[in-house]
């Protein structure tokens, strides 16, 4: 099955006790047996102020990655989507986001 170059996939997978949700343009079976190949990762690009710390953390971790090889048993779901949503890192147990979108105010002394 051929895909257009504008195809966009939401990939959800387990990684070190967390659930990662990334967006990519290419997803296929890897030449490495038992792995899924995820390439051309898509990140939002903002100048200046960091709008989404989760996106920033994911870009720091995977920004220089050409192709990500994820073990097939770690994949939770792969969806072909119309447009990019918000990337996320969640705790595998609770499903709560690991990175808080905005800093919490300091407790008064």
N, C-alpha and C. Protein backbone atom coordinates (compact mmCIF):
# COMPACT_ATOMS: atom_id res chain seq x y z
N UNK A 1 0.85 -1.18 0.00
CA UNK A 1 0.00 0.00 0.00
C UNK A 1 0.89 1.24 0.00
N UNK A 2 0.67 2.13 -0.91
CA UNK A 2 1.47 3.35 -0.98
C UNK A 2 0.77 4.48 -0.23
N UNK A 3 1.55 5.31 0.37
CA UNK A 3 1.05 6.46 1.13
C UNK A 3 1.57 7.73 0.50
N UNK A 4 0.77 8.78 0.59
CA UNK A 4 1.24 10.07 0.08
C UNK A 4 2.30 10.63 1.02
N UNK A 5 3.08 11.55 0.53
CA UNK A 5 4.13 12.15 1.35
C UNK A 5 3.54 13.02 2.46
N UNK A 6 2.25 13.33 2.36
CA UNK A 6 1.62 14.17 3.38
C UNK A 6 0.91 13.33 4.44
N UNK A 7 1.00 12.00 4.35
CA UNK A 7 0.38 11.15 5.37
C UNK A 7 0.98 11.50 6.73
N UNK A 8 0.15 11.45 7.76
CA UNK A 8 0.59 11.77 9.11
C UNK A 8 0.08 10.70 10.05
N UNK A 9 0.97 10.18 10.90
CA UNK A 9 0.63 9.11 11.82
C UNK A 9 0.84 9.54 13.27
N UNK A 10 -0.09 9.17 14.13
CA UNK A 10 0.08 9.34 15.57
C UNK A 10 0.53 7.97 16.09
N UNK A 11 1.69 7.93 16.72
CA UNK A 11 2.27 6.69 17.21
C UNK A 11 2.30 6.75 18.73
N UNK A 12 1.68 5.77 19.37
CA UNK A 12 1.63 5.69 20.83
C UNK A 12 2.40 4.44 21.24
N UNK A 13 3.42 4.61 22.12
CA UNK A 13 4.23 3.46 22.53
C UNK A 13 4.73 3.62 23.96
N UNK A 14 5.07 2.47 24.58
CA UNK A 14 5.64 2.44 25.93
C UNK A 14 7.15 2.68 25.84
N UNK A 15 7.68 3.47 26.79
CA UNK A 15 9.11 3.72 26.86
C UNK A 15 9.48 4.02 28.31
N UNK A 16 10.20 3.13 28.96
CA UNK A 16 10.67 3.31 30.34
C UNK A 16 9.56 3.71 31.31
N UNK A 17 8.46 2.97 31.30
CA UNK A 17 7.37 3.22 32.25
C UNK A 17 6.48 4.40 31.90
N UNK A 18 6.66 4.95 30.72
CA UNK A 18 5.84 6.08 30.29
C UNK A 18 5.24 5.75 28.93
N UNK A 19 4.14 6.44 28.60
CA UNK A 19 3.50 6.30 27.30
C UNK A 19 3.86 7.55 26.49
N UNK A 20 4.48 7.38 25.36
CA UNK A 20 4.85 8.48 24.48
C UNK A 20 3.85 8.55 23.33
N UNK A 21 3.45 9.77 22.98
CA UNK A 21 2.59 10.01 21.81
C UNK A 21 3.34 10.96 20.89
N UNK A 22 3.77 10.44 19.74
CA UNK A 22 4.54 11.21 18.77
C UNK A 22 3.82 11.23 17.43
N UNK A 23 4.18 12.17 16.59
CA UNK A 23 3.63 12.25 15.24
C UNK A 23 4.77 12.07 14.26
N UNK A 24 4.50 11.30 13.18
CA UNK A 24 5.52 11.00 12.18
C UNK A 24 4.90 10.90 10.80
N UNK A 25 5.73 11.11 9.80
CA UNK A 25 5.28 11.01 8.40
C UNK A 25 5.48 9.60 7.85
N UNK A 26 6.39 8.82 8.45
CA UNK A 26 6.67 7.49 7.94
C UNK A 26 6.62 6.47 9.07
N UNK A 27 5.87 5.38 8.83
CA UNK A 27 5.81 4.26 9.75
C UNK A 27 5.80 2.99 8.91
N UNK A 28 6.69 2.06 9.25
CA UNK A 28 6.75 0.81 8.51
C UNK A 28 7.42 -0.27 9.35
N UNK A 29 7.35 -1.51 8.86
CA UNK A 29 8.07 -2.60 9.51
C UNK A 29 9.56 -2.35 9.29
N UNK A 30 10.34 -2.55 10.33
CA UNK A 30 11.77 -2.31 10.27
C UNK A 30 12.49 -3.50 9.66
N UNK A 31 13.67 -3.26 9.09
CA UNK A 31 14.53 -4.36 8.63
C UNK A 31 15.08 -5.14 9.82
N UNK A 32 15.05 -4.52 10.99
CA UNK A 32 15.46 -5.20 12.22
C UNK A 32 14.26 -5.99 12.71
N UNK A 33 14.37 -7.30 12.76
CA UNK A 33 13.25 -8.17 13.10
C UNK A 33 12.64 -7.79 14.46
N UNK A 34 11.31 -7.65 14.49
CA UNK A 34 10.60 -7.37 15.73
C UNK A 34 10.46 -5.90 16.07
N UNK A 35 10.87 -5.02 15.17
CA UNK A 35 10.81 -3.59 15.43
C UNK A 35 9.93 -2.88 14.40
N UNK A 36 9.37 -1.74 14.80
CA UNK A 36 8.63 -0.86 13.91
C UNK A 36 9.48 0.37 13.67
N UNK A 37 9.59 0.78 12.42
CA UNK A 37 10.41 1.93 12.04
C UNK A 37 9.55 3.18 11.96
N UNK A 38 9.93 4.20 12.71
CA UNK A 38 9.19 5.46 12.74
C UNK A 38 10.15 6.55 12.28
N UNK A 39 9.81 7.22 11.17
CA UNK A 39 10.71 8.21 10.61
C UNK A 39 10.03 9.52 10.32
N UNK A 40 10.83 10.53 10.07
CA UNK A 40 10.36 11.87 9.76
C UNK A 40 9.41 12.37 10.85
N UNK A 41 9.92 12.42 12.09
CA UNK A 41 9.13 12.87 13.23
C UNK A 41 8.71 14.32 13.03
N UNK A 42 7.51 14.66 13.49
CA UNK A 42 6.94 16.00 13.30
C UNK A 42 6.82 16.68 14.66
N UNK A 43 7.43 17.86 14.77
CA UNK A 43 7.35 18.66 15.98
C UNK A 43 6.87 20.06 15.63
N UNK A 44 6.13 20.70 16.54
CA UNK A 44 5.76 22.10 16.36
C UNK A 44 7.01 22.94 16.56
N UNK A 45 7.17 23.96 15.76
CA UNK A 45 8.33 24.84 15.87
C UNK A 45 7.85 26.24 16.23
N UNK A 46 8.34 26.74 17.36
CA UNK A 46 7.98 28.08 17.82
C UNK A 46 9.26 28.87 18.02
N UNK A 47 9.20 30.13 17.70
CA UNK A 47 10.33 31.02 17.97
C UNK A 47 10.09 31.70 19.31
N UNK A 48 11.13 31.80 20.11
CA UNK A 48 11.03 32.54 21.37
C UNK A 48 10.47 31.71 22.50
N UNK A 49 9.32 32.09 23.02
CA UNK A 49 8.73 31.50 24.22
C UNK A 49 8.35 30.04 23.98
N UNK A 50 8.63 29.20 24.96
CA UNK A 50 8.23 27.79 24.89
C UNK A 50 6.74 27.71 25.18
N UNK A 51 5.97 27.27 24.20
CA UNK A 51 4.53 27.20 24.35
C UNK A 51 4.11 25.89 25.00
N UNK A 52 4.76 24.78 24.62
CA UNK A 52 4.41 23.46 25.13
C UNK A 52 5.67 22.76 25.62
N UNK A 53 5.87 22.65 26.94
CA UNK A 53 7.08 22.02 27.46
C UNK A 53 7.20 20.54 27.09
N UNK A 54 6.08 19.85 26.89
CA UNK A 54 6.13 18.45 26.48
C UNK A 54 6.73 18.35 25.09
N UNK A 55 6.27 19.19 24.19
CA UNK A 55 6.81 19.21 22.83
C UNK A 55 8.30 19.53 22.85
N UNK A 56 8.70 20.46 23.71
CA UNK A 56 10.10 20.84 23.85
C UNK A 56 10.93 19.65 24.35
N UNK A 57 10.40 18.93 25.32
CA UNK A 57 11.11 17.77 25.87
C UNK A 57 11.25 16.66 24.83
N UNK A 58 10.20 16.41 24.07
CA UNK A 58 10.25 15.40 23.02
C UNK A 58 11.21 15.81 21.91
N UNK A 59 11.22 17.08 21.56
CA UNK A 59 12.14 17.58 20.54
C UNK A 59 13.58 17.45 21.03
N UNK A 60 13.83 17.72 22.32
CA UNK A 60 15.17 17.55 22.88
C UNK A 60 15.61 16.09 22.82
N UNK A 61 14.69 15.18 23.10
CA UNK A 61 15.02 13.75 23.13
C UNK A 61 15.14 13.14 21.73
N UNK A 62 14.24 13.52 20.82
CA UNK A 62 14.18 12.88 19.51
C UNK A 62 14.46 13.81 18.33
N UNK A 63 14.83 15.05 18.58
CA UNK A 63 15.00 16.04 17.52
C UNK A 63 16.04 15.68 16.48
N UNK A 64 17.11 15.00 16.87
CA UNK A 64 18.17 14.62 15.94
C UNK A 64 18.03 13.19 15.44
N UNK A 65 16.90 12.56 15.71
CA UNK A 65 16.67 11.17 15.32
C UNK A 65 16.17 11.11 13.89
N UNK A 66 16.89 10.38 13.04
CA UNK A 66 16.45 10.20 11.65
C UNK A 66 15.34 9.15 11.59
N UNK A 67 15.60 8.00 12.22
CA UNK A 67 14.63 6.90 12.25
C UNK A 67 14.63 6.31 13.64
N UNK A 68 13.46 6.13 14.20
CA UNK A 68 13.29 5.54 15.52
C UNK A 68 12.83 4.10 15.33
N UNK A 69 13.53 3.14 15.92
CA UNK A 69 13.15 1.74 15.85
C UNK A 69 12.57 1.36 17.20
N UNK A 70 11.27 1.08 17.24
CA UNK A 70 10.57 0.77 18.48
C UNK A 70 10.18 -0.71 18.46
N UNK A 71 10.44 -1.46 19.54
CA UNK A 71 10.03 -2.86 19.56
C UNK A 71 8.52 -2.98 19.34
N UNK A 72 8.12 -3.96 18.53
CA UNK A 72 6.69 -4.11 18.21
C UNK A 72 5.84 -4.28 19.46
N UNK A 73 6.35 -4.98 20.48
CA UNK A 73 5.55 -5.21 21.68
C UNK A 73 5.37 -3.94 22.51
N UNK A 74 6.13 -2.87 22.20
CA UNK A 74 5.97 -1.59 22.91
C UNK A 74 4.91 -0.70 22.28
N UNK A 75 4.54 -0.98 21.04
CA UNK A 75 3.55 -0.16 20.33
C UNK A 75 2.17 -0.40 20.93
N UNK A 76 1.50 0.67 21.29
CA UNK A 76 0.13 0.60 21.78
C UNK A 76 -0.83 0.78 20.62
N UNK A 77 -0.57 1.81 19.79
CA UNK A 77 -1.48 2.12 18.69
C UNK A 77 -0.78 3.01 17.68
N UNK A 78 -1.15 2.83 16.41
CA UNK A 78 -0.71 3.71 15.33
C UNK A 78 -1.95 4.14 14.58
N UNK A 79 -2.15 5.45 14.46
CA UNK A 79 -3.33 5.99 13.77
C UNK A 79 -2.86 6.89 12.64
N UNK A 80 -3.52 6.80 11.49
CA UNK A 80 -3.28 7.78 10.43
C UNK A 80 -4.28 8.90 10.69
N UNK A 81 -3.79 10.12 10.85
CA UNK A 81 -4.63 11.25 11.25
C UNK A 81 -4.62 12.35 10.19
N UNK A 82 -5.62 13.22 10.26
CA UNK A 82 -5.73 14.35 9.33
C UNK A 82 -4.76 15.47 9.66
N UNK A 83 -4.63 15.77 10.97
CA UNK A 83 -3.75 16.87 11.38
C UNK A 83 -3.08 16.52 12.69
N UNK A 84 -1.99 17.21 12.97
CA UNK A 84 -1.22 16.96 14.19
C UNK A 84 -1.95 17.48 15.41
N UNK A 85 -1.98 16.66 16.43
CA UNK A 85 -2.52 17.07 17.72
C UNK A 85 -1.36 17.37 18.66
N UNK A 86 -1.65 17.34 19.94
CA UNK A 86 -0.63 17.64 20.94
C UNK A 86 0.14 16.37 21.27
N UNK A 87 1.45 16.42 21.18
CA UNK A 87 2.29 15.30 21.60
C UNK A 87 2.24 15.21 23.12
N UNK A 88 2.48 14.01 23.67
CA UNK A 88 2.37 13.86 25.11
C UNK A 88 3.31 12.80 25.63
N UNK A 89 3.65 12.92 26.90
CA UNK A 89 4.33 11.88 27.65
C UNK A 89 3.46 11.65 28.88
N UNK A 90 2.98 10.41 29.04
CA UNK A 90 2.08 10.09 30.15
C UNK A 90 2.68 8.99 31.01
N UNK A 91 2.28 8.97 32.27
CA UNK A 91 2.66 7.89 33.16
C UNK A 91 1.87 6.65 32.74
N UNK A 92 2.54 5.52 32.58
CA UNK A 92 1.88 4.30 32.11
C UNK A 92 0.83 3.79 33.09
N UNK A 93 1.03 3.99 34.38
CA UNK A 93 0.09 3.50 35.39
C UNK A 93 -1.16 4.36 35.48
N UNK A 94 -0.98 5.66 35.63
CA UNK A 94 -2.11 6.55 35.89
C UNK A 94 -2.68 7.20 34.63
N UNK A 95 -1.88 7.30 33.58
CA UNK A 95 -2.32 8.00 32.37
C UNK A 95 -2.19 9.51 32.47
N UNK A 96 -1.71 10.00 33.61
CA UNK A 96 -1.53 11.43 33.81
C UNK A 96 -0.32 11.92 33.02
N UNK A 97 -0.40 13.16 32.52
CA UNK A 97 0.74 13.74 31.80
C UNK A 97 1.91 13.90 32.76
N UNK A 98 3.10 13.56 32.27
CA UNK A 98 4.31 13.66 33.08
C UNK A 98 4.84 15.07 33.11
N UNK A 99 4.74 15.77 32.00
CA UNK A 99 5.22 17.15 31.91
C UNK A 99 4.02 18.07 32.09
N UNK A 100 4.07 18.93 33.10
CA UNK A 100 2.99 19.87 33.38
C UNK A 100 3.05 21.02 32.39
N UNK A 101 1.93 21.36 31.73
CA UNK A 101 1.95 22.40 30.72
C UNK A 101 2.41 23.77 31.21
N UNK A 102 2.03 24.17 32.40
CA UNK A 102 2.44 25.46 32.94
C UNK A 102 3.02 25.26 34.33
N UNK A 103 4.02 26.06 34.69
CA UNK A 103 4.61 25.89 36.03
C UNK A 103 3.57 26.20 37.11
N UNK A 104 3.60 25.40 38.15
CA UNK A 104 2.69 25.62 39.27
C UNK A 104 3.21 26.78 40.10
N UNK A 105 2.31 27.60 40.65
CA UNK A 105 2.78 28.71 41.49
C UNK A 105 3.44 28.19 42.76
N UNK A 106 4.42 28.95 43.25
CA UNK A 106 5.12 28.56 44.46
C UNK A 106 4.18 28.68 45.65
N UNK A 107 4.36 27.79 46.62
CA UNK A 107 3.54 27.86 47.83
C UNK A 107 3.95 29.07 48.66
N UNK A 108 2.95 29.79 49.21
CA UNK A 108 3.31 30.94 50.05
C UNK A 108 4.02 30.48 51.31
N UNK A 109 4.93 31.29 51.78
CA UNK A 109 5.69 30.94 52.99
C UNK A 109 4.94 31.30 54.23
